[in-house]
C-alpha cells in the first residue's frame, strides 16, 4: 500500500493485484450509469481487462515489477538488504501534511 508518489522505494504487485482507486463494479456503475444491466456486466469485464490489473501501472512506471507470490519473500529480503543503510533527508516543513 504505497506508491512512488508517496516516496516508496520499491513497489511490487502480484499478477492478480487490482491497482485502482475503486473496484471495477463501482467504477462501471458510475461511468455507465445509463446502460442496461447486461451492458454493465460486459463493461465491467472490459474495465477489468483494461484497468483492474497491475500491467498498466507497470507500463506507466508506478510499480517496479510484477512478482509471483512464491518469489515475494526473497525479493523483499533482497530489497531490505539493499536499503539497510539508506539515509533519508527530508526538507524542513513548518506544517505536516498527510496524503489523503
C-alpha atoms as a PDB file:
ATOM      1  CA  UNK A   1       0.000   0.000   0.000  1.00  0.00           C
ATOM      2  CA  UNK A   2       2.482   2.550  -1.184  1.00  0.00           C
ATOM      3  CA  UNK A   3       3.469   4.305  -4.350  1.00  0.00           C
ATOM      4  CA  UNK A   4       6.263   6.219  -5.963  1.00  0.00           C
ATOM      5  CA  UNK A   5       4.263   9.388  -5.307  1.00  0.00           C
ATOM      6  CA  UNK A   6       4.429   8.692  -1.559  1.00  0.00           C
ATOM      7  CA  UNK A   7       8.191   8.122  -1.802  1.00  0.00           C
ATOM      8  CA  UNK A   8       8.045   4.341  -1.715  1.00  0.00           C
ATOM      9  CA  UNK A   9      11.459   2.899  -2.527  1.00  0.00           C
ATOM     10  CA  UNK A  10      10.311  -0.377  -4.054  1.00  0.00           C
ATOM     11  CA  UNK A  11       6.801  -1.079  -5.313  1.00  0.00           C
ATOM     12  CA  UNK A  12       5.714  -4.517  -6.435  1.00  0.00           C
ATOM     13  CA  UNK A  13       2.440  -6.183  -7.321  1.00  0.00           C
ATOM     14  CA  UNK A  14       1.248  -9.729  -7.707  1.00  0.00           C
ATOM     15  CA  UNK A  15      -0.274 -10.666 -11.092  1.00  0.00           C
ATOM     16  CA  UNK A  16      -3.762 -10.732  -9.526  1.00  0.00           C
ATOM     17  CA  UNK A  17      -3.491  -7.268  -7.926  1.00  0.00           C
ATOM     18  CA  UNK A  18      -6.008  -4.537  -8.618  1.00  0.00           C
ATOM     19  CA  UNK A  19      -4.391  -1.113  -8.680  1.00  0.00           C
ATOM     20  CA  UNK A  20      -7.231   1.373  -8.705  1.00  0.00           C
ATOM     21  CA  UNK A  21      -8.986   3.980  -6.619  1.00  0.00           C
ATOM     22  CA  UNK A  22     -12.174   1.917  -6.530  1.00  0.00           C
ATOM     23  CA  UNK A  23     -13.366  -1.507  -7.575  1.00  0.00           C
ATOM     24  CA  UNK A  24     -14.411  -2.244 -11.116  1.00  0.00           C
ATOM     25  CA  UNK A  25     -18.086  -2.719 -10.216  1.00  0.00           C
ATOM     26  CA  UNK A  26     -18.335   0.687  -8.544  1.00  0.00           C
ATOM     27  CA  UNK A  27     -16.459   2.406 -11.353  1.00  0.00           C
ATOM     28  CA  UNK A  28     -18.677   0.847 -14.029  1.00  0.00           C
ATOM     29  CA  UNK A  29     -21.821   1.847 -12.109  1.00  0.00           C
ATOM     30  CA  UNK A  30     -20.647   5.465 -12.131  1.00  0.00           C
ATOM     31  CA  UNK A  31     -19.218   5.641 -15.653  1.00  0.00           C
ATOM     32  CA  UNK A  32     -22.005   3.675 -17.359  1.00  0.00           C
ATOM     33  CA  UNK A  33     -24.946   4.562 -15.125  1.00  0.00           C
ATOM     34  CA  UNK A  34     -27.419   4.858 -18.025  1.00  0.00           C
ATOM     35  CA  UNK A  35     -26.712   1.437 -19.552  1.00  0.00           C
ATOM     36  CA  UNK A  36     -28.741  -1.726 -19.027  1.00  0.00           C
ATOM     37  CA  UNK A  37     -27.668  -4.454 -16.602  1.00  0.00           C
ATOM     38  CA  UNK A  38     -26.432  -6.726 -19.402  1.00  0.00           C
ATOM     39  CA  UNK A  39     -24.352  -3.914 -20.891  1.00  0.00           C
ATOM     40  CA  UNK A  40     -22.915  -3.090 -17.451  1.00  0.00           C
ATOM     41  CA  UNK A  41     -21.791  -6.703 -16.988  1.00  0.00           C
ATOM     42  CA  UNK A  42     -19.919  -6.566 -20.295  1.00  0.00           C
ATOM     43  CA  UNK A  43     -18.492  -3.129 -19.457  1.00  0.00           C
ATOM     44  CA  UNK A  44     -17.281  -4.459 -16.103  1.00  0.00           C
ATOM     45  CA  UNK A  45     -15.386  -7.293 -17.806  1.00  0.00           C
ATOM     46  CA  UNK A  46     -13.875  -4.830 -20.284  1.00  0.00           C
ATOM     47  CA  UNK A  47     -12.915  -2.490 -17.419  1.00  0.00           C
ATOM     48  CA  UNK A  48     -11.216  -5.332 -15.507  1.00  0.00           C
ATOM     49  CA  UNK A  49      -9.249  -6.323 -18.578  1.00  0.00           C
ATOM     50  CA  UNK A  50      -8.151  -2.762 -19.338  1.00  0.00           C
ATOM     51  CA  UNK A  51      -7.575  -1.251 -15.890  1.00  0.00           C
ATOM     52  CA  UNK A  52      -8.059  -3.565 -12.889  1.00  0.00           C
ATOM     53  CA  UNK A  53      -4.731  -5.360 -13.159  1.00  0.00           C
ATOM     54  CA  UNK A  54      -1.133  -4.369 -12.439  1.00  0.00           C
ATOM     55  CA  UNK A  55       0.094  -4.347 -16.046  1.00  0.00           C
ATOM     56  CA  UNK A  56      -1.000  -0.782 -16.972  1.00  0.00           C
ATOM     57  CA  UNK A  57       0.556   0.501 -13.723  1.00  0.00           C
ATOM     58  CA  UNK A  58       3.812  -1.306 -14.531  1.00  0.00           C
ATOM     59  CA  UNK A  59       3.861   0.159 -18.044  1.00  0.00           C
ATOM     60  CA  UNK A  60       3.468   3.657 -16.594  1.00  0.00           C
ATOM     61  CA  UNK A  61       6.223   3.105 -14.013  1.00  0.00           C
ATOM     62  CA  UNK A  62       4.005   3.202 -10.929  1.00  0.00           C
ATOM     63  CA  UNK A  63       5.297  -0.189  -9.796  1.00  0.00           C
ATOM     64  CA  UNK A  64       8.755  -1.632 -10.240  1.00  0.00           C
ATOM     65  CA  UNK A  65       7.850  -5.203 -11.102  1.00  0.00           C
ATOM     66  CA  UNK A  66       5.096  -7.789 -11.127  1.00  0.00           C
ATOM     67  CA  UNK A  67       6.242 -10.684  -8.958  1.00  0.00           C
ATOM     68  CA  UNK A  68       4.837 -14.120  -8.264  1.00  0.00           C
ATOM     69  CA  UNK A  69       3.726 -14.830  -4.694  1.00  0.00           C
ATOM     70  CA  UNK A  70       6.357 -17.555  -4.364  1.00  0.00           C
ATOM     71  CA  UNK A  71       9.154 -15.031  -5.096  1.00  0.00           C
ATOM     72  CA  UNK A  72       7.834 -12.262  -2.847  1.00  0.00           C
ATOM     73  CA  UNK A  73       9.735 -13.172   0.319  1.00  0.00           C
ATOM     74  CA  UNK A  74      13.079 -13.422  -1.487  1.00  0.00           C
ATOM     75  CA  UNK A  75      12.582 -10.096  -3.261  1.00  0.00           C
ATOM     76  CA  UNK A  76      11.591  -8.265  -0.090  1.00  0.00           C
ATOM     77  CA  UNK A  77      14.595  -9.680   1.784  1.00  0.00           C
ATOM     78  CA  UNK A  78      16.920  -8.541  -1.018  1.00  0.00           C
ATOM     79  CA  UNK A  79      15.360  -5.061  -1.068  1.00  0.00           C
ATOM     80  CA  UNK A  80      15.624  -4.690   2.706  1.00  0.00           C
ATOM     81  CA  UNK A  81      19.276  -5.673   2.469  1.00  0.00           C
ATOM     82  CA  UNK A  82      19.867  -3.031  -0.220  1.00  0.00           C
ATOM     83  CA  UNK A  83      18.037  -0.357   1.807  1.00  0.00           C
ATOM     84  CA  UNK A  84      19.636  -1.271   5.150  1.00  0.00           C
ATOM     85  CA  UNK A  85      21.974   1.748   5.228  1.00  0.00           C
ATOM     86  CA  UNK A  86      19.727   4.206   3.449  1.00  0.00           C
ATOM     87  CA  UNK A  87      19.789   7.713   4.876  1.00  0.00           C
ATOM     88  CA  UNK A  88      16.748   9.789   4.109  1.00  0.00           C
ATOM     89  CA  UNK A  89      16.810  13.531   4.468  1.00  0.00           C
ATOM     90  CA  UNK A  90      13.515  15.362   4.312  1.00  0.00           C
ATOM     91  CA  UNK A  91      13.307  19.112   3.743  1.00  0.00           C
ATOM     92  CA  UNK A  92      12.217  21.143   6.750  1.00  0.00           C
ATOM     93  CA  UNK A  93       8.494  21.902   6.824  1.00  0.00           C
ATOM     94  CA  UNK A  94       6.662  24.268   9.028  1.00  0.00           C
ATOM     95  CA  UNK A  95       3.481  22.172   8.963  1.00  0.00           C
ATOM     96  CA  UNK A  96       2.932  18.480   8.302  1.00  0.00           C
ATOM     97  CA  UNK A  97       0.568  17.286   5.615  1.00  0.00           C
ATOM     98  CA  UNK A  98      -0.589  13.690   5.386  1.00  0.00           C
ATOM     99  CA  UNK A  99      -1.664  12.363   1.978  1.00  0.00           C
ATOM    100  CA  UNK A 100      -5.418  11.890   1.882  1.00  0.00           C
END
